[in-house]
Each structure stands twice: as structure tokens, then as C-alpha cells.
Amino acid sequence: MEIERFELVPYHGMRGADRRTIPDRKLELMPEEGKADILTPADRRRRQRSAILVFGLFLCIVLAALATTVLAVNNGRNYKRLVRQFALEQYLLPAPPPPPLRIDRPRPLPPAEHYPPWLLNAGLERSAVFEKIEAPSAEDRCELLRDDRGTAPTFTRSGDGWECLFFETFGNAPEPAALFIQARGTERDIVSSFRIKVSLTDLTTELAVLSKAIGATERFGLPMTPETRSYLIEKLAGRTEFSSIVENYRMTFGREITDARRYNLLILPRRQMASCGEHPSPQPDRWATPIYRMPVGCLALRSPPSPQSAS
């Protein structure tokens, strides 16, 4: 753009020669694009957000590519391990292919003479004869705990319940070793618990105390197989703590908390819930307790031969 030209004329009738004119001056305005680039705070924030968004998108793409590479190596082993860690196999893993079905032709067995004789001969590890005997009364079983030195047990009865106590000391030490036996029953002549407590305070009598405790289980008449009795002897002799269910017994053996020299053995007989041919009665918490059905075989026990009177 240009400014129009003006001519200045003197006021007092100046002649044409004295007339002066102001030379033309062209004033051009600055172009619009040449102005300084001034940004407002809002413009700066928009540019910063755009830069952060582009950088975050680029970082996510890089991390996704890295995670895909790590999970896909070794035939997707890491991916499968991650899926199994969160128990999502049935959703994120393909179903395993069914095993190949192969039906072979039946092969005839070779004749018996091709086998060694010891493999064909049937044999028993241990033969046994089961006989039905009359169980002794609780008082008679308690009396069997009497030892050779004359230490007698104490038997008390209260209604249908009863209790048998036996206590014996060993050695002449200031704090002698001791053996304590307690047998209880809530029904007549039926044992509900059998407890042995040994106090091994004298090292010179440890073997005698343990032997007496092991023999008490046999003298009292707790029926056990030789394997179960050997298992019990091994644990008591080695003073090894255990808690097991063996045959019809729940056994627990361990040392006392207050004194490490004293040990307790607790034997709880597991009552028979049903007789031969009967169904067991349901328990009160049968809905919360799993029940596994299994057939039970009943043996016909023969009665022991009656002694013949001498004629």
C-alpha cells in the first residue's frame, strides 16, 4: 500500500518560483507474515499434550512388540506358562488333540514253560489263622499291666465307663524316670483311649522305660498286626514324633511342650460303624464329609477248640 502524495503551498501568496513541494515519500506497511510468532499459554499446553500423546503411543507400540516377542519365543512357552498361572487354559489355550486310537491285534500268550517256576507258583507272605475269641473284661485287661516287681494298676468303674491307671518309677536318681499308663472306656469293656506317658529324666534307664511302654500295648490286649507293632516299636525306640492312622487306630506320639524329656503316646481305637451286611448310619455332617463306598468282605471266624476234659 502507498500513501497519497500531498503538496504544501505557502499562505502569503507565494509565487510559483518560491513554491516548495515536499518530495513524495512512499510508506509501506509490514507484511502480515513478517510479524513475530507469539504463542499464548493455551497454545503451549496444546502442543505439549500433542507431544506427550505421540510419545506415549510410540512407547506403547514398543512395549507391545517387546512383550509379544517374549511371549512368543520357544513356541509360546512363556505365554502358556502365563495362562496356566492365572488358570485360563480353557479360555486362552486350544484344546489338546485327542490321543491317537490304536487297536492292535491280540497277541497270544507264550506257553507256561517259557516262564520261570517261581513266577507261576502262588505264595503267601505270611499265613495266619483267624479265630474268634472272647474279649476279656476291662478289669482283667487292666490287671495284665501288673509287672514282675509287683506294681499293681488301679481300676475304677463309674456306671458304664471305667478307667485303668498304672504308674511305675525306674532307677534311684533324684528325679527318676517314670512310666504312666491310662486306659479309659465309655462303654462296658470297650476301650475308647489308651495313653502312655514316659518321663526320660534318667539316661541310664531310658531303654528299660521304653521297653516297658512297648510291652504295655501288647499286655493290655490291643490287637495289632506284627507290621503295626513293629512300626510302633520303631517310632518309640527312636523317639520319633508321628501322627498316623494305622489299621483301626489313630496314633499320635510327641514330646511335651513344657518338658522335652517327657513324651506322650495316644492311641484312639476307631469304632466299627457297621456290621457285616449292614449299611453305616449317616453322620450328622454327612453333607460336608465326602463318603467313598467300597465293598467290605466279612470272614467267618472259627471258634477255638474247646479243651477236652481228661477222662
Protein backbone atom coordinates (compact mmCIF):
# COMPACT_ATOMS: atom_id res chain seq x y z
CA MET A 1 0.00 0.00 0.00
CA GLU A 2 1.10 3.59 -0.65
CA ILE A 3 0.16 6.92 0.94
CA GLU A 4 -1.20 9.56 -1.32
CA ARG A 5 1.06 12.50 -2.21
CA PHE A 6 0.34 15.98 -0.71
CA GLU A 7 1.59 19.37 -1.86
CA LEU A 8 2.17 22.21 0.61
CA VAL A 9 1.52 25.83 -0.64
CA PRO A 10 2.53 28.93 1.40
CA TYR A 11 -0.31 31.04 2.68
CA HIS A 12 1.05 34.55 1.92
CA GLY A 13 0.60 34.48 -1.85
CA MET A 14 3.84 32.93 -2.64
CA ARG A 15 4.90 32.97 -6.19
CA GLY A 16 5.25 29.97 -8.31
CA ALA A 17 9.04 30.16 -8.07
CA ASP A 18 9.04 30.26 -4.34
CA ARG A 19 6.61 27.44 -4.11
CA ARG A 20 8.17 24.41 -2.48
CA THR A 21 6.87 20.99 -2.66
CA ILE A 22 7.50 18.11 -0.31
CA PRO A 23 9.03 15.22 -2.12
CA ASP A 24 6.93 12.10 -2.41
CA ARG A 25 7.50 9.54 0.23
CA LYS A 26 6.16 6.09 -0.06
CA LEU A 27 5.38 4.41 3.28
CA GLU A 28 4.87 0.74 3.00
CA LEU A 29 3.26 -1.33 5.72
CA MET A 30 5.00 -4.51 7.06
CA PRO A 31 3.63 -7.70 5.54
CA GLU A 32 1.37 -9.89 7.70
CA GLU A 33 3.68 -12.90 7.56
CA GLY A 34 6.63 -10.99 8.84
CA LYS A 35 5.19 -10.32 12.27
CA ALA A 36 6.67 -12.04 15.38
CA ASP A 37 5.20 -15.52 16.22
CA ILE A 38 3.75 -15.04 19.70
CA LEU A 39 2.15 -18.16 21.37
CA THR A 40 -0.40 -17.99 24.12
CA PRO A 41 -0.24 -20.36 27.18
CA ALA A 42 -3.18 -22.33 25.78
CA ASP A 43 -1.23 -22.91 22.54
CA ARG A 44 1.78 -24.11 24.51
CA ARG A 45 -0.34 -26.60 26.50
CA ARG A 46 -1.91 -27.96 23.33
CA ARG A 47 1.49 -28.53 21.78
CA GLN A 48 2.78 -30.25 24.95
CA ARG A 49 -0.24 -32.56 25.10
CA SER A 50 0.23 -33.49 21.47
CA ALA A 51 3.89 -34.32 22.06
CA ILE A 52 3.11 -36.44 25.14
CA LEU A 53 0.36 -38.27 23.27
CA VAL A 54 2.65 -39.11 20.36
CA PHE A 55 5.42 -40.28 22.72
CA GLY A 56 3.02 -42.41 24.79
CA LEU A 57 1.61 -44.04 21.68
CA PHE A 58 5.09 -44.82 20.41
CA LEU A 59 6.10 -46.25 23.84
CA CYS A 60 3.02 -48.50 23.95
CA ILE A 61 3.79 -49.86 20.49
CA VAL A 62 7.39 -50.62 21.51
CA LEU A 63 6.33 -52.33 24.76
CA ALA A 64 3.65 -54.35 23.00
CA ALA A 65 6.14 -55.54 20.41
CA LEU A 66 8.62 -56.46 23.14
CA ALA A 67 6.01 -58.37 25.18
CA THR A 68 4.82 -60.22 22.07
CA THR A 69 8.38 -61.25 21.30
CA VAL A 70 9.00 -62.51 24.84
CA LEU A 71 5.75 -64.50 24.98
CA ALA A 72 6.12 -65.98 21.51
CA VAL A 73 9.66 -67.38 21.81
CA ASN A 74 10.20 -71.12 22.23
CA ASN A 75 6.89 -71.97 20.61
CA GLY A 76 4.91 -69.77 23.01
CA ARG A 77 6.22 -71.42 26.16
CA ASN A 78 6.14 -68.21 28.20
CA TYR A 79 2.61 -67.43 27.01
CA LYS A 80 1.36 -70.86 28.01
CA ARG A 81 3.04 -70.56 31.39
CA LEU A 82 1.39 -67.18 31.98
CA VAL A 83 -2.02 -68.52 31.01
CA ARG A 84 -1.68 -71.52 33.34
CA GLN A 85 -0.57 -69.23 36.15
CA PHE A 86 -3.94 -67.47 36.01
CA ALA A 87 -5.90 -70.73 35.37
CA LEU A 88 -7.22 -69.60 31.99
CA GLU A 89 -6.29 -72.67 29.94
CA GLN A 90 -9.83 -73.44 28.85
CA TYR A 91 -10.29 -69.87 27.57
CA LEU A 92 -6.95 -68.88 26.05
CA LEU A 93 -5.36 -72.16 25.01
CA PRO A 94 -6.58 -74.52 22.32
CA ALA A 95 -7.97 -77.86 23.42
CA PRO A 96 -5.38 -80.65 23.32
CA PRO A 97 -5.80 -83.05 20.45
CA PRO A 98 -7.31 -86.42 21.31
CA PRO A 99 -4.79 -89.22 21.72
CA PRO A 100 -4.40 -91.43 18.69
CA LEU A 101 -6.56 -94.51 18.93
CA ARG A 102 -4.71 -97.61 18.00
CA ILE A 103 -6.20 -101.08 18.13
CA ASP A 104 -3.64 -103.83 17.99
CA ARG A 105 -4.30 -107.38 17.23
CA PRO A 106 -4.44 -109.64 20.31
CA ARG A 107 -1.22 -111.45 20.84
CA PRO A 108 -1.32 -115.00 22.09
CA LEU A 109 0.50 -115.65 25.36
CA PRO A 110 3.51 -117.90 25.21
CA PRO A 111 3.18 -121.30 26.81
CA ALA A 112 3.69 -121.65 30.54
CA GLU A 113 7.03 -123.40 30.18
CA HIS A 114 8.55 -120.12 28.98
CA TYR A 115 8.03 -118.54 32.43
CA PRO A 116 10.22 -119.26 35.44
CA PRO A 117 8.59 -121.56 38.01
CA TRP A 118 8.90 -119.06 40.86
CA LEU A 119 6.74 -116.60 38.93
CA LEU A 120 3.88 -119.07 38.46
CA ASN A 121 3.82 -120.52 41.95
CA ALA A 122 1.37 -118.63 44.15
CA GLY A 123 2.58 -117.98 47.65
CA LEU A 124 1.61 -116.06 50.75
CA GLU A 125 3.90 -113.65 52.50
CA ARG A 126 2.58 -114.80 55.86
CA SER A 127 -0.09 -117.31 56.68
CA ALA A 128 -2.48 -116.65 59.53
CA VAL A 129 -5.46 -118.29 61.13
CA PHE A 130 -8.31 -116.06 62.29
CA GLU A 131 -10.15 -117.27 65.34
CA LYS A 132 -12.98 -115.73 67.27
CA ILE A 133 -12.04 -115.34 70.90
CA GLU A 134 -13.88 -113.96 73.83
CA ALA A 135 -12.61 -110.50 74.71
CA PRO A 136 -11.55 -110.21 78.37
CA SER A 137 -13.24 -107.71 80.61
CA ALA A 138 -11.75 -104.28 81.15
CA GLU A 139 -10.78 -105.14 84.70
CA ASP A 140 -8.93 -108.28 83.60
CA ARG A 141 -7.08 -106.32 80.91
CA CYS A 142 -6.08 -103.72 83.46
CA GLU A 143 -4.74 -106.43 85.75
CA LEU A 144 -2.46 -107.64 82.94
CA LEU A 145 -0.40 -104.45 83.34
CA ARG A 146 0.95 -105.71 86.67
CA ASP A 147 4.71 -106.09 86.34
CA ASP A 148 7.18 -108.53 87.85
CA ARG A 149 8.08 -106.16 90.68
CA GLY A 150 4.53 -106.25 91.98
CA THR A 151 3.42 -102.78 90.90
CA ALA A 152 -0.34 -103.09 90.62
CA PRO A 153 -2.64 -100.95 88.48
CA THR A 154 -5.71 -99.13 89.75
CA PHE A 155 -9.09 -99.89 88.19
CA THR A 156 -12.22 -97.83 88.82
CA ARG A 157 -15.68 -98.10 87.29
CA SER A 158 -18.42 -95.47 87.12
CA GLY A 159 -21.61 -96.67 85.50
CA ASP A 160 -20.74 -97.97 82.05
CA GLY A 161 -17.47 -96.01 81.99
CA TRP A 162 -14.22 -97.21 83.50
CA GLU A 163 -10.59 -96.14 83.93
CA CYS A 164 -7.33 -98.03 84.41
CA LEU A 165 -4.22 -96.29 85.82
CA PHE A 166 -0.69 -97.61 86.14
CA PHE A 167 2.41 -95.77 87.37
CA GLU A 168 5.96 -97.03 87.85
CA THR A 169 9.32 -95.39 88.51
CA PHE A 170 12.75 -96.58 87.35
CA GLY A 171 16.15 -96.02 88.95
CA ASN A 172 17.27 -94.22 92.07
CA ALA A 173 18.09 -90.82 90.60
CA PRO A 174 16.87 -87.65 92.37
CA GLU A 175 14.37 -87.27 89.51
CA PRO A 176 13.74 -90.88 88.45
CA ALA A 177 12.36 -91.92 85.10
CA ALA A 178 8.73 -92.91 85.13
CA LEU A 179 6.05 -94.68 83.12
CA PHE A 180 2.38 -93.70 83.33
CA ILE A 181 -0.44 -95.59 81.57
CA GLN A 182 -4.07 -94.51 81.38
CA ALA A 183 -6.79 -96.51 79.65
CA ARG A 184 -10.39 -95.35 79.50
CA GLY A 185 -13.69 -96.62 78.18
CA THR A 186 -17.10 -95.03 77.86
CA GLU A 187 -18.85 -98.38 77.38
CA ARG A 188 -18.51 -101.59 79.26
CA ASP A 189 -15.26 -103.44 78.38
CA ILE A 190 -14.66 -101.31 75.25
CA VAL A 191 -11.50 -99.18 75.09
CA SER A 192 -12.01 -95.60 73.92
CA SER A 193 -8.48 -94.27 74.57
CA PHE A 194 -5.11 -95.66 75.60
CA ARG A 195 -2.42 -93.20 76.73
CA ILE A 196 1.21 -93.79 77.68
CA LYS A 197 3.42 -91.09 79.16
CA VAL A 198 7.15 -91.71 79.61
CA SER A 199 9.49 -89.45 81.55
CA LEU A 200 13.08 -89.99 80.37
CA THR A 201 14.81 -87.98 83.08
CA ASP A 202 17.43 -90.66 83.81
CA LEU A 203 19.65 -91.63 80.87
CA THR A 204 20.61 -94.96 82.44
CA THR A 205 17.02 -96.25 82.43
CA GLU A 206 15.77 -94.97 79.06
CA LEU A 207 15.89 -98.41 77.43
CA ALA A 208 14.00 -100.06 80.27
CA VAL A 209 11.27 -97.42 80.25
CA LEU A 210 10.75 -97.63 76.50
CA SER A 211 10.72 -101.44 76.56
CA LYS A 212 8.10 -101.40 79.31
CA ALA A 213 5.98 -98.92 77.36
CA ILE A 214 6.17 -101.01 74.20
CA GLY A 215 5.25 -104.19 76.09
CA ALA A 216 2.27 -102.48 77.76
CA THR A 217 0.41 -102.17 74.44
CA GLU A 218 0.70 -105.93 73.96
CA ARG A 219 -0.07 -106.92 77.54
CA PHE A 220 -3.18 -104.76 77.65
CA GLY A 221 -4.56 -106.63 74.67
CA LEU A 222 -4.71 -104.04 71.90
CA PRO A 223 -4.99 -106.21 68.77
CA MET A 224 -2.38 -105.24 66.15
CA THR A 225 -0.68 -106.93 63.25
CA PRO A 226 3.06 -107.61 63.51
CA GLU A 227 3.73 -104.84 60.96
CA THR A 228 1.82 -102.27 63.01
CA ARG A 229 3.52 -103.31 66.24
CA SER A 230 6.94 -103.11 64.56
CA TYR A 231 6.09 -99.64 63.27
CA LEU A 232 5.12 -98.54 66.78
CA ILE A 233 8.26 -100.05 68.33
CA GLU A 234 10.47 -98.30 65.77
CA LYS A 235 8.92 -94.89 66.47
CA LEU A 236 9.07 -95.25 70.26
CA ALA A 237 12.63 -96.59 70.28
CA GLY A 238 13.85 -93.73 68.09
CA ARG A 239 11.69 -91.14 69.91
CA THR A 240 10.36 -90.05 66.52
CA GLU A 241 7.27 -87.88 66.63
CA PHE A 242 4.44 -89.02 64.36
CA SER A 243 0.69 -88.86 63.84
CA SER A 244 -0.75 -91.76 61.82
CA ILE A 245 -3.88 -93.74 61.16
CA VAL A 246 -2.87 -97.40 61.23
CA GLU A 247 -5.40 -100.20 60.92
CA ASN A 248 -8.25 -99.30 63.29
CA TYR A 249 -6.20 -96.88 65.39
CA ARG A 250 -5.30 -93.21 65.30
CA MET A 251 -1.87 -92.86 66.92
CA THR A 252 -0.04 -89.70 67.98
CA PHE A 253 3.39 -89.57 69.59
CA GLY A 254 5.30 -86.43 70.55
CA ARG A 255 7.16 -84.67 73.32
CA GLU A 256 5.59 -82.28 75.78
CA ILE A 257 5.86 -78.55 75.27
CA THR A 258 6.82 -77.77 78.86
CA ASP A 259 9.45 -80.51 79.22
CA ALA A 260 11.33 -82.04 76.28
CA ARG A 261 12.25 -85.11 78.36
CA ARG A 262 8.65 -86.29 78.57
CA TYR A 263 6.78 -87.98 75.70
CA ASN A 264 3.12 -88.86 75.19
CA LEU A 265 1.66 -91.68 73.11
CA LEU A 266 -2.09 -91.55 72.47
CA ILE A 267 -3.88 -94.46 70.80
CA LEU A 268 -7.53 -93.92 69.87
CA PRO A 269 -9.37 -97.00 68.55
CA ARG A 270 -11.65 -96.26 65.61
CA ARG A 271 -15.04 -97.78 66.30
CA GLN A 272 -16.66 -100.12 63.83
CA MET A 273 -19.59 -98.27 62.24
CA ALA A 274 -21.39 -101.23 60.66
CA SER A 275 -21.52 -104.97 60.94
CA CYS A 276 -21.40 -107.45 58.11
CA GLY A 277 -24.33 -106.93 55.75
CA GLU A 278 -25.37 -103.62 57.32
CA HIS A 279 -25.19 -100.11 55.94
CA PRO A 280 -23.39 -97.49 58.06
CA SER A 281 -25.60 -94.90 59.67
CA PRO A 282 -25.23 -91.39 58.19
CA GLN A 283 -23.14 -88.93 60.15
CA PRO A 284 -24.56 -85.58 61.33
CA ASP A 285 -22.29 -83.72 58.93
CA ARG A 286 -22.68 -86.14 56.05
CA TRP A 287 -23.33 -83.31 53.59
CA ALA A 288 -19.92 -81.77 54.35
CA THR A 289 -17.98 -85.04 54.64
CA PRO A 290 -17.06 -86.99 51.49
CA ILE A 291 -18.16 -90.62 51.58
CA TYR A 292 -16.36 -93.23 49.50
CA ARG A 293 -18.18 -96.51 49.02
CA MET A 294 -16.13 -99.69 48.97
CA PRO A 295 -17.03 -103.35 49.38
CA VAL A 296 -16.10 -104.96 52.67
CA GLY A 297 -15.57 -108.68 52.94
CA CYS A 298 -16.55 -110.49 56.12
CA LEU A 299 -14.72 -113.61 57.24
CA ALA A 300 -16.36 -116.45 59.02
CA LEU A 301 -14.21 -116.97 62.08
CA ARG A 302 -13.99 -120.37 63.56
CA SER A 303 -14.23 -120.84 67.28
CA PRO A 304 -11.16 -122.08 69.15
CA PRO A 305 -11.24 -125.77 70.04
CA SER A 306 -12.61 -126.38 73.50
CA PRO A 307 -10.22 -128.16 75.83
CA GLN A 308 -11.15 -131.79 76.35
CA SER A 309 -11.57 -132.95 79.88
CA ALA A 310 -9.25 -135.74 80.95
CA SER A 311 -11.08 -138.94 81.34
